[in-house]
Structure formats: structure tokens, C-alpha cells
Amino acid sequence: MRAGLTRKTVYNLFASKDEIASQLIARVEANDAPYRDRIEAGGDVFPLLESVFLDSACWCLANPSLAKLALAPVERPSLEPPPDRPSFQRLVRDILVLGQRQGVIRKDDDPNFMALVLLGTYGQAMLSVLAGGQFTDDEIRHIIRIVVEGIGERSSRRGVLSRKSYRASENSLDE
């Protein structure tokens, strides 16, 4: 579908090509209603994460130039998702919060931090794919499994401290 605008008109509406790309990426990130519905319904976290990341991977492969900008933005993400707009970071964080409520994602660490860990791993993998690497649905499942086993509900791993516990132990040493 074409909007009937000339290239010059489009460029006059934005300050730069990067702003055009940022707006296109923001529109894609805002299209999260189907996932939000599954979160609201209390859907199973792992199939939901797989769907989100597989759909994102398909979008990245279909839009490689935009994907590179989205996966390696000029402005690095902060721990908190952007407060003024929907974001992929917020969606992943909210899925992890759901997993914490369901008892399948560890509760002793910040879901914002865990979302950045998962997104960082995924982002690097997708950048490799876009540079000519291989991609299969199983690769996404593998990334999720590897990362979640590290952030999954605490098991019998004795002596392993969460970030919160580690900070508390550091603070007690300083006193």
C-alpha cells in the first residue's frame, strides 16, 4: 500500500533518515496487542516468549536495515523501559513479570535487568544472523532456554547469590 507521498515530502516531515527509521521501529514496537492479550489471560510464559522472539526474528529478517538499527541503537537502553511509549523491552519485561507470578521465572532479581540480559543475548544473535549467519526457530528456543535456565526459578544452586543478595552482602561488608 502506498501513501501517495513523494520521497521529498517524506524527508521534509522528518529531521533525518534516522528519525524516519526510529518512527518505523516505534510503530512496530507499539503493535504488541496480541501478546498483551496473552499476558492478560495469564498465558504460559515460555511459548509466549518464543512467539515474541520468533515474530521479532521474522521481522528482522524481512527488514534487515531497520533491524540493525533496532538491535544496536545509538541510544543504549536503560534499565527501565522508555516511559513514554510502548517498547520491545517493556513487552519482554512484562512477560518476565508474568513468569515471576507463575513461579517459573526467578523472583529474587529485577525483571528489568533480566529483560536486558535476554534482549542483549537475542540482539547479538540476530546481528550475527543479519551478517550472514544461520537462523532456525530452534536457535530462538535455544537462546530462551539458555538464558532462562540462568534466570529461572532458583533451584538447588547453593552459594549462588542474586544481584540483590550480592549487593546486600557488599553493603554489610562496608559497615
Protein backbone atom coordinates (compact mmCIF):
# COMPACT_ATOMS: atom_id res chain seq x y z
CA MET A 1 0.00 0.00 0.00
CA ARG A 2 1.35 3.43 -0.96
CA ALA A 3 0.56 6.66 0.82
CA GLY A 4 0.85 8.85 -2.28
CA LEU A 5 3.73 10.89 -0.86
CA THR A 6 6.87 11.73 -2.73
CA ARG A 7 10.23 10.88 -1.24
CA LYS A 8 10.96 14.59 -0.81
CA THR A 9 7.71 15.11 1.12
CA VAL A 10 8.54 12.25 3.45
CA TYR A 11 12.04 13.61 4.10
CA ASN A 12 10.56 17.05 4.82
CA LEU A 13 8.34 15.53 7.53
CA PHE A 14 11.33 14.21 9.49
CA ALA A 15 14.63 15.71 10.62
CA SER A 16 16.72 12.80 9.31
CA LYS A 17 16.66 9.29 7.91
CA ASP A 18 17.42 8.05 11.43
CA GLU A 19 14.25 9.74 12.71
CA ILE A 20 12.24 8.02 9.97
CA ALA A 21 13.77 4.68 10.97
CA SER A 22 13.11 5.36 14.67
CA GLN A 23 9.46 6.14 13.95
CA LEU A 24 9.07 2.96 11.89
CA ILE A 25 10.63 0.88 14.66
CA ALA A 26 8.40 2.55 17.28
CA ARG A 27 5.32 1.67 15.21
CA VAL A 28 6.37 -1.98 15.11
CA GLU A 29 7.04 -1.99 18.87
CA ALA A 30 3.61 -0.46 19.52
CA ASN A 31 1.92 -3.37 17.74
CA ASP A 32 2.01 -5.65 20.78
CA ALA A 33 -1.73 -6.13 21.45
CA PRO A 34 -1.83 -9.88 20.65
CA TYR A 35 0.98 -10.52 23.13
CA ARG A 36 -0.59 -8.22 25.72
CA ASP A 37 -3.83 -10.21 25.41
CA ARG A 38 -1.91 -13.41 26.16
CA ILE A 39 -0.23 -11.76 29.16
CA GLU A 40 -3.63 -10.59 30.48
CA ALA A 41 -5.01 -14.11 30.03
CA GLY A 42 -2.10 -15.49 32.08
CA GLY A 43 -0.67 -17.48 29.17
CA ASP A 44 2.27 -19.85 29.56
CA VAL A 45 5.42 -17.71 29.65
CA PHE A 46 7.75 -19.89 27.60
CA PRO A 47 5.55 -20.28 24.49
CA LEU A 48 4.78 -16.56 24.78
CA LEU A 49 8.49 -15.65 24.85
CA GLU A 50 9.08 -17.96 21.90
CA SER A 51 6.27 -16.31 19.92
CA VAL A 52 7.54 -12.81 20.67
CA PHE A 53 11.13 -13.59 19.73
CA LEU A 54 10.26 -15.72 16.69
CA ASP A 55 7.97 -12.99 15.36
CA SER A 56 10.70 -10.43 16.02
CA ALA A 57 13.26 -12.60 14.23
CA CYS A 58 10.98 -12.88 11.19
CA TRP A 59 10.56 -9.09 11.19
CA CYS A 60 14.33 -8.64 11.45
CA LEU A 61 14.94 -10.95 8.51
CA ALA A 62 12.29 -9.15 6.43
CA ASN A 63 13.63 -5.68 7.38
CA PRO A 64 17.40 -6.09 7.84
CA SER A 65 18.36 -2.41 7.62
CA LEU A 66 15.78 -1.36 10.21
CA ALA A 67 16.56 -4.41 12.32
CA LYS A 68 20.23 -3.43 12.60
CA LEU A 69 19.18 -0.02 13.89
CA ALA A 70 16.70 -1.56 16.33
CA LEU A 71 19.16 -4.18 17.59
CA ALA A 72 22.07 -1.76 18.01
CA PRO A 73 20.51 1.63 18.74
CA VAL A 74 22.58 4.79 19.04
CA GLU A 75 20.99 5.47 22.41
CA ARG A 76 21.64 2.48 24.64
CA PRO A 77 18.67 1.18 26.64
CA SER A 78 18.40 2.00 30.30
CA LEU A 79 17.36 -0.47 32.96
CA GLU A 80 13.77 0.82 32.82
CA PRO A 81 11.87 0.64 29.51
CA PRO A 82 11.09 4.02 27.92
CA PRO A 83 8.23 5.56 29.93
CA ASP A 84 6.68 7.50 27.05
CA ARG A 85 5.99 4.74 24.51
CA PRO A 86 5.49 1.01 24.04
CA SER A 87 8.73 -0.90 23.59
CA PHE A 88 10.01 -4.38 22.93
CA GLN A 89 11.96 -4.08 26.19
CA ARG A 90 8.76 -3.34 28.15
CA LEU A 91 6.95 -6.26 26.49
CA VAL A 92 9.71 -8.72 27.39
CA ARG A 93 9.90 -7.31 30.93
CA ASP A 94 6.13 -7.71 31.34
CA ILE A 95 6.32 -11.33 30.16
CA LEU A 96 9.05 -11.99 32.72
CA VAL A 97 6.88 -10.39 35.43
CA LEU A 98 4.10 -12.79 34.42
CA GLY A 99 6.61 -15.64 34.74
CA GLN A 100 7.53 -14.44 38.22
CA ARG A 101 3.85 -14.51 39.20
CA GLN A 102 3.55 -18.01 37.75
CA GLY A 103 6.63 -19.15 39.67
CA VAL A 104 8.68 -20.09 36.59
CA ILE A 105 10.96 -17.03 36.49
CA ARG A 106 13.09 -16.23 39.50
CA LYS A 107 11.64 -13.62 41.83
CA ASP A 108 14.85 -12.63 43.55
CA ASP A 109 16.06 -10.41 40.70
CA ASP A 110 14.74 -7.38 38.87
CA PRO A 111 12.69 -8.26 35.76
CA ASN A 112 14.03 -5.11 34.06
CA PHE A 113 17.57 -6.42 34.40
CA MET A 114 16.61 -9.92 33.31
CA ALA A 115 14.84 -8.48 30.25
CA LEU A 116 18.03 -6.64 29.27
CA VAL A 117 20.04 -9.86 29.63
CA LEU A 118 17.61 -11.76 27.41
CA LEU A 119 17.36 -8.92 24.88
CA GLY A 120 21.13 -8.46 24.78
CA THR A 121 21.69 -12.13 24.03
CA TYR A 122 18.93 -12.16 21.42
CA GLY A 123 20.18 -8.90 19.86
CA GLN A 124 23.71 -10.22 19.41
CA ALA A 125 22.43 -13.47 17.93
CA MET A 126 20.20 -11.61 15.45
CA LEU A 127 23.01 -9.24 14.45
CA SER A 128 25.11 -12.33 13.67
CA VAL A 129 22.28 -13.77 11.59
CA LEU A 130 21.89 -10.50 9.70
CA ALA A 131 25.63 -10.53 8.98
CA GLY A 132 25.21 -13.86 7.19
CA GLY A 133 24.77 -16.39 9.97
CA GLN A 134 22.22 -19.16 10.05
CA PHE A 135 18.79 -18.94 11.65
CA THR A 136 16.23 -21.51 12.63
CA ASP A 137 13.30 -21.40 15.02
CA ASP A 138 15.30 -23.77 17.22
CA GLU A 139 18.01 -21.09 17.60
CA ILE A 140 15.50 -18.75 19.24
CA ARG A 141 14.25 -21.55 21.50
CA HIS A 142 17.87 -22.34 22.37
CA ILE A 143 18.59 -18.71 23.32
CA ILE A 144 15.50 -18.56 25.50
CA ARG A 145 16.31 -21.88 27.16
CA ILE A 146 19.93 -20.96 27.89
CA VAL A 147 19.08 -17.54 29.28
CA VAL A 148 16.03 -18.68 31.25
CA GLU A 149 17.92 -21.53 32.86
CA GLY A 150 20.11 -18.80 34.28
CA ILE A 151 17.17 -16.64 35.36
CA GLY A 152 14.65 -19.41 36.00
CA GLU A 153 13.20 -20.12 39.43
CA ARG A 154 16.00 -20.72 41.92
CA SER A 155 16.94 -24.39 42.16
CA SER A 156 19.31 -26.20 44.47
CA ARG A 157 22.24 -24.00 43.39
CA ARG A 158 23.73 -23.40 46.83
CA GLY A 159 26.08 -20.47 47.24
CA VAL A 160 24.85 -18.58 44.18
CA LEU A 161 23.78 -15.06 45.06
CA SER A 162 21.27 -12.94 43.21
CA ARG A 163 22.25 -9.35 42.40
CA LYS A 164 20.02 -8.18 45.27
CA SER A 165 21.65 -10.60 47.73
CA TYR A 166 25.12 -9.75 46.40
CA ARG A 167 24.52 -6.01 46.92
CA ALA A 168 23.20 -6.67 50.44
CA SER A 169 26.30 -8.72 51.27
CA GLU A 170 28.55 -5.95 49.85
CA ASN A 171 26.75 -3.35 51.94
CA SER A 172 27.10 -5.40 55.11
CA LEU A 173 30.85 -5.73 54.46
CA ASP A 174 31.16 -1.94 54.16
CA GLU A 175 29.57 -1.38 57.57
